[in-house]
Amino acid sequence: MASPPGRRSVQPGPMTTLAQRLRAKGCWVGASWLPRMGDEGYLFGAGFDGSAVMLSAIGGKVEPGETFLQAARREYEEETGTSPPTLIPRARPSLFGVEEPLAQAEDTEGGTILIRTMPGISSPHPPALWIMVFSGWVHEQPRPVEKLPAFVLLTPAAFTRVAEQRTLPAGVPVIGALGIDGPTPVVLGETLTALAAKPDVLGHLWQGAEPPSECHGHRAPQGNDDN
């Protein structure tokens, strides 16, 4: 159909980012971090879900108009009250549950892992959930907020034990008020559930990563810290 005289035909702009294209297909999109605090461990959010501790990656929903990395940085600031980690960029992310390889021209923003999973909701036809996971070095100790009352530090080996046993032992380094005094059942969020299925991944990422100079000197708390 021809455009009216004096008016130009306006075509929709291209979906320029991976997050936008996935959203246009009806998928849910999220972004999260594997933030490393020196040699003390990876930083995970922690809070109670009934009698169990919910462990989750720090991150959340990609809002309309955001890229994966923009959303990851915003969510980290909101959930920790601190600046985002220094990104450890990867040339191409590892694919978890993704059936087809990404095009070589696809901008994955330095992401470490791209996860495709199904959200834990009661629906006969739930949308696919895509999560881009970024690796980074933590600059400062996070400040617990209402959404995440505490954080737990786990090395790759400690995370593997927690994931296998689905139990958080007493004495793990905690930032914030978690208040556990013995082994406590654990529930894992979507990102950590995907990581638990491939226990060697965290160990490979851990090896050979040299922190920037501003990230040296962190000392994690030992055990529960109610301050």
Protein backbone atom coordinates (compact mmCIF):
# COMPACT_ATOMS: atom_id res chain seq x y z
CA MET A 1 0.00 0.00 0.00
CA ALA A 2 1.44 3.37 -1.04
CA SER A 3 2.08 6.05 1.53
CA PRO A 4 -0.18 9.16 1.43
CA PRO A 5 1.31 12.09 -0.54
CA GLY A 6 3.72 14.16 1.52
CA ARG A 7 4.30 11.43 4.11
CA ARG A 8 7.15 9.00 4.38
CA SER A 9 6.56 5.35 5.15
CA VAL A 10 7.91 4.58 8.62
CA GLN A 11 9.24 1.07 9.16
CA PRO A 12 9.89 -0.44 12.59
CA GLY A 13 13.53 -0.27 13.59
CA PRO A 14 15.53 -3.49 13.80
CA MET A 15 15.76 -5.45 17.01
CA THR A 16 19.37 -4.51 17.62
CA THR A 17 20.17 -6.48 20.76
CA LEU A 18 19.87 -10.13 21.68
CA ALA A 19 17.70 -9.27 24.69
CA GLN A 20 15.29 -7.30 22.48
CA ARG A 21 15.00 -10.10 19.93
CA LEU A 22 14.34 -12.71 22.61
CA ARG A 23 11.70 -10.50 24.23
CA ALA A 24 10.03 -10.00 20.83
CA LYS A 25 9.68 -13.79 20.59
CA GLY A 26 7.78 -13.83 23.89
CA CYS A 27 10.70 -15.05 26.00
CA TRP A 28 11.51 -13.81 29.48
CA VAL A 29 14.99 -12.30 29.79
CA GLY A 30 17.18 -11.83 32.84
CA ALA A 31 20.77 -11.00 33.72
CA SER A 32 22.91 -11.99 36.68
CA TRP A 33 26.45 -12.01 38.03
CA LEU A 34 29.13 -14.38 39.21
CA PRO A 35 30.89 -11.72 41.29
CA ARG A 36 34.17 -12.82 42.80
CA MET A 37 35.45 -11.29 46.04
CA GLY A 38 39.18 -11.91 45.88
CA ASP A 39 40.13 -15.44 46.85
CA GLU A 40 37.28 -15.68 49.37
CA GLY A 41 34.65 -16.90 46.94
CA TYR A 42 31.79 -16.00 44.66
CA LEU A 43 29.15 -13.74 46.16
CA PHE A 44 25.56 -15.04 46.21
CA GLY A 45 22.39 -13.53 47.60
CA ALA A 46 20.83 -15.32 50.58
CA GLY A 47 17.53 -15.15 52.41
CA PHE A 48 15.02 -17.50 53.97
CA ASP A 49 12.33 -19.25 51.92
CA GLY A 50 10.31 -20.87 54.69
CA SER A 51 12.74 -22.99 56.67
CA ALA A 52 15.29 -23.18 53.83
CA VAL A 53 17.91 -20.70 52.71
CA MET A 54 17.34 -19.44 49.17
CA LEU A 55 20.65 -18.92 47.40
CA SER A 56 20.51 -16.89 44.22
CA ALA A 57 22.76 -15.11 41.78
CA ILE A 58 22.66 -11.33 42.09
CA GLY A 59 20.58 -10.06 39.19
CA GLY A 60 17.06 -9.86 37.88
CA LYS A 61 14.80 -8.93 34.99
CA VAL A 62 15.98 -7.13 31.87
CA GLU A 63 13.70 -4.15 31.47
CA PRO A 64 12.42 -3.04 28.02
CA GLY A 65 15.13 -1.08 26.23
CA GLU A 66 17.97 -2.50 28.32
CA THR A 67 20.75 -4.76 27.17
CA PHE A 68 21.76 -7.74 29.27
CA LEU A 69 24.80 -5.93 30.64
CA GLN A 70 22.90 -2.73 31.43
CA ALA A 71 20.33 -4.75 33.37
CA ALA A 72 23.02 -6.72 35.22
CA ARG A 73 24.76 -3.54 36.35
CA ARG A 74 21.51 -1.87 37.44
CA GLU A 75 20.36 -4.94 39.37
CA TYR A 76 23.69 -5.27 41.14
CA GLU A 77 23.56 -1.68 42.32
CA GLU A 78 19.96 -2.12 43.52
CA GLU A 79 20.60 -5.39 45.34
CA THR A 80 23.94 -4.60 46.96
CA GLY A 81 23.95 -0.80 47.33
CA THR A 82 27.41 -0.72 45.72
CA SER A 83 28.93 -0.20 42.30
CA PRO A 84 28.86 -3.12 39.83
CA PRO A 85 31.80 -5.52 39.58
CA THR A 86 34.61 -5.01 37.11
CA LEU A 87 33.56 -7.11 34.14
CA ILE A 88 35.70 -10.11 33.17
CA PRO A 89 34.72 -10.20 29.48
CA ARG A 90 34.46 -13.45 27.57
CA ALA A 91 34.73 -13.70 23.80
CA ARG A 92 31.74 -16.05 23.64
CA PRO A 93 29.51 -17.34 26.45
CA SER A 94 29.10 -20.99 27.29
CA LEU A 95 25.60 -22.14 26.33
CA PHE A 96 23.43 -23.98 28.87
CA GLY A 97 20.21 -25.42 27.42
CA VAL A 98 20.57 -23.43 24.19
CA GLU A 99 19.82 -25.72 21.27
CA GLU A 100 21.34 -23.68 18.43
CA PRO A 101 24.70 -21.86 18.37
CA LEU A 102 24.65 -18.08 18.42
CA ALA A 103 25.61 -16.24 15.26
CA GLN A 104 29.25 -15.15 15.28
CA ALA A 105 28.13 -11.55 14.78
CA GLU A 106 25.92 -11.65 17.88
CA ASP A 107 26.99 -9.12 20.51
CA THR A 108 26.98 -11.06 23.79
CA GLU A 109 28.48 -8.10 25.72
CA GLY A 110 31.27 -10.17 27.25
CA GLY A 111 28.84 -12.55 28.95
CA THR A 112 30.23 -15.73 30.53
CA ILE A 113 27.21 -18.05 30.31
CA LEU A 114 23.90 -17.88 28.45
CA ILE A 115 21.23 -20.02 30.07
CA ARG A 116 17.95 -21.12 28.52
CA THR A 117 15.60 -22.73 31.02
CA MET A 118 11.94 -22.87 31.97
CA PRO A 119 10.75 -20.70 34.85
CA GLY A 120 9.31 -22.40 37.91
CA ILE A 121 5.72 -21.27 37.39
CA SER A 122 2.43 -23.17 37.12
CA SER A 123 1.42 -22.71 33.50
CA PRO A 124 0.64 -25.16 30.69
CA HIS A 125 2.79 -23.16 28.27
CA PRO A 126 5.37 -21.11 30.19
CA PRO A 127 7.73 -18.91 28.18
CA ALA A 128 11.40 -19.78 27.96
CA LEU A 129 13.64 -17.89 30.37
CA TRP A 130 17.00 -16.67 29.04
CA ILE A 131 19.64 -15.47 31.51
CA MET A 132 22.98 -13.93 30.58
CA VAL A 133 25.50 -14.44 33.37
CA PHE A 134 28.48 -12.09 33.68
CA SER A 135 31.71 -12.63 35.62
CA GLY A 136 33.32 -9.79 37.53
CA TRP A 137 35.58 -8.69 40.37
CA VAL A 138 33.92 -7.10 43.40
CA HIS A 139 35.26 -3.68 44.45
CA GLU A 140 33.57 -3.27 47.82
CA GLN A 141 31.63 -5.27 50.39
CA PRO A 142 27.91 -5.34 49.59
CA ARG A 143 25.35 -3.78 51.90
CA PRO A 144 22.36 -6.01 52.67
CA VAL A 145 19.01 -4.53 51.61
CA GLU A 146 15.41 -5.57 52.17
CA LYS A 147 15.33 -7.76 49.04
CA LEU A 148 18.61 -9.50 49.92
CA PRO A 149 19.13 -9.50 53.69
CA ALA A 150 22.41 -11.39 53.44
CA PHE A 151 25.14 -12.62 51.12
CA VAL A 152 27.12 -15.84 51.20
CA LEU A 153 30.64 -16.39 49.88
CA LEU A 154 31.37 -19.80 48.35
CA THR A 155 34.44 -21.07 46.53
CA PRO A 156 33.75 -23.39 43.57
CA ALA A 157 34.41 -26.45 45.73
CA ALA A 158 32.13 -25.18 48.50
CA PHE A 159 29.38 -24.37 46.00
CA THR A 160 29.60 -27.89 44.55
CA ARG A 161 29.15 -29.40 48.03
CA VAL A 162 26.21 -27.13 48.81
CA ALA A 163 24.57 -27.93 45.45
CA GLU A 164 25.06 -31.69 45.85
CA GLN A 165 23.89 -31.85 49.46
CA ARG A 166 21.33 -29.04 49.18
CA THR A 167 22.54 -27.94 52.60
CA LEU A 168 24.32 -24.80 53.76
CA PRO A 169 26.75 -25.63 56.58
CA ALA A 170 27.29 -23.42 59.59
CA GLY A 171 30.44 -21.35 59.48
CA VAL A 172 30.31 -20.28 55.83
CA PRO A 173 31.32 -16.62 55.31
CA VAL A 174 28.17 -14.49 55.54
CA ILE A 175 27.67 -10.76 55.06
CA GLY A 176 24.53 -9.58 56.81
CA ALA A 177 22.10 -11.27 59.18
CA LEU A 178 21.33 -14.82 58.10
CA GLY A 179 21.28 -16.39 61.54
CA ILE A 180 22.03 -20.05 60.89
CA ASP A 181 23.65 -22.08 63.66
CA GLY A 182 23.75 -25.48 61.97
CA PRO A 183 23.33 -27.22 58.61
CA THR A 184 20.34 -25.63 56.87
CA PRO A 185 18.38 -26.82 53.80
CA VAL A 186 19.07 -24.83 50.63
CA VAL A 187 16.94 -23.89 47.63
CA LEU A 188 18.77 -22.67 44.53
CA GLY A 189 17.55 -19.96 42.15
CA GLU A 190 17.43 -20.45 38.37
CA THR A 191 21.00 -19.39 37.61
CA LEU A 192 22.50 -21.50 40.41
CA THR A 193 20.35 -24.50 39.49
CA ALA A 194 21.83 -24.35 35.98
CA LEU A 195 25.36 -24.03 37.39
CA ALA A 196 24.80 -26.95 39.76
CA ALA A 197 24.14 -29.19 36.75
CA LYS A 198 27.65 -28.41 35.43
CA PRO A 199 29.84 -28.39 38.56
CA ASP A 200 33.16 -28.01 36.70
CA VAL A 201 32.25 -24.63 35.20
CA LEU A 202 32.92 -22.51 38.29
CA GLY A 203 36.25 -24.20 38.85
CA HIS A 204 37.38 -23.46 35.30
CA LEU A 205 36.33 -19.82 35.61
CA TRP A 206 38.15 -19.52 38.94
CA GLN A 207 41.50 -20.64 37.57
CA GLY A 208 43.83 -18.09 36.05
CA ALA A 209 41.72 -14.97 36.68
CA GLU A 210 43.88 -12.11 37.92
CA PRO A 211 42.00 -9.33 39.74
CA PRO A 212 42.55 -5.67 38.93
CA SER A 213 44.65 -3.81 41.48
CA GLU A 214 41.68 -2.04 43.09
CA CYS A 215 40.15 -5.41 44.00
CA HIS A 216 43.11 -6.64 46.06
CA GLY A 217 42.94 -6.67 49.81
CA HIS A 218 39.34 -7.82 50.44
CA ARG A 219 38.82 -9.75 53.60
CA ALA A 220 35.55 -11.62 53.87
CA PRO A 221 33.83 -12.09 57.22
CA GLN A 222 34.07 -15.48 58.89
CA GLY A 223 30.80 -17.12 59.77
CA ASN A 224 27.61 -15.16 60.40
CA ASP A 225 28.00 -11.38 60.60
CA ASP A 226 25.02 -9.52 62.02
CA ASN A 227 26.50 -6.08 61.40
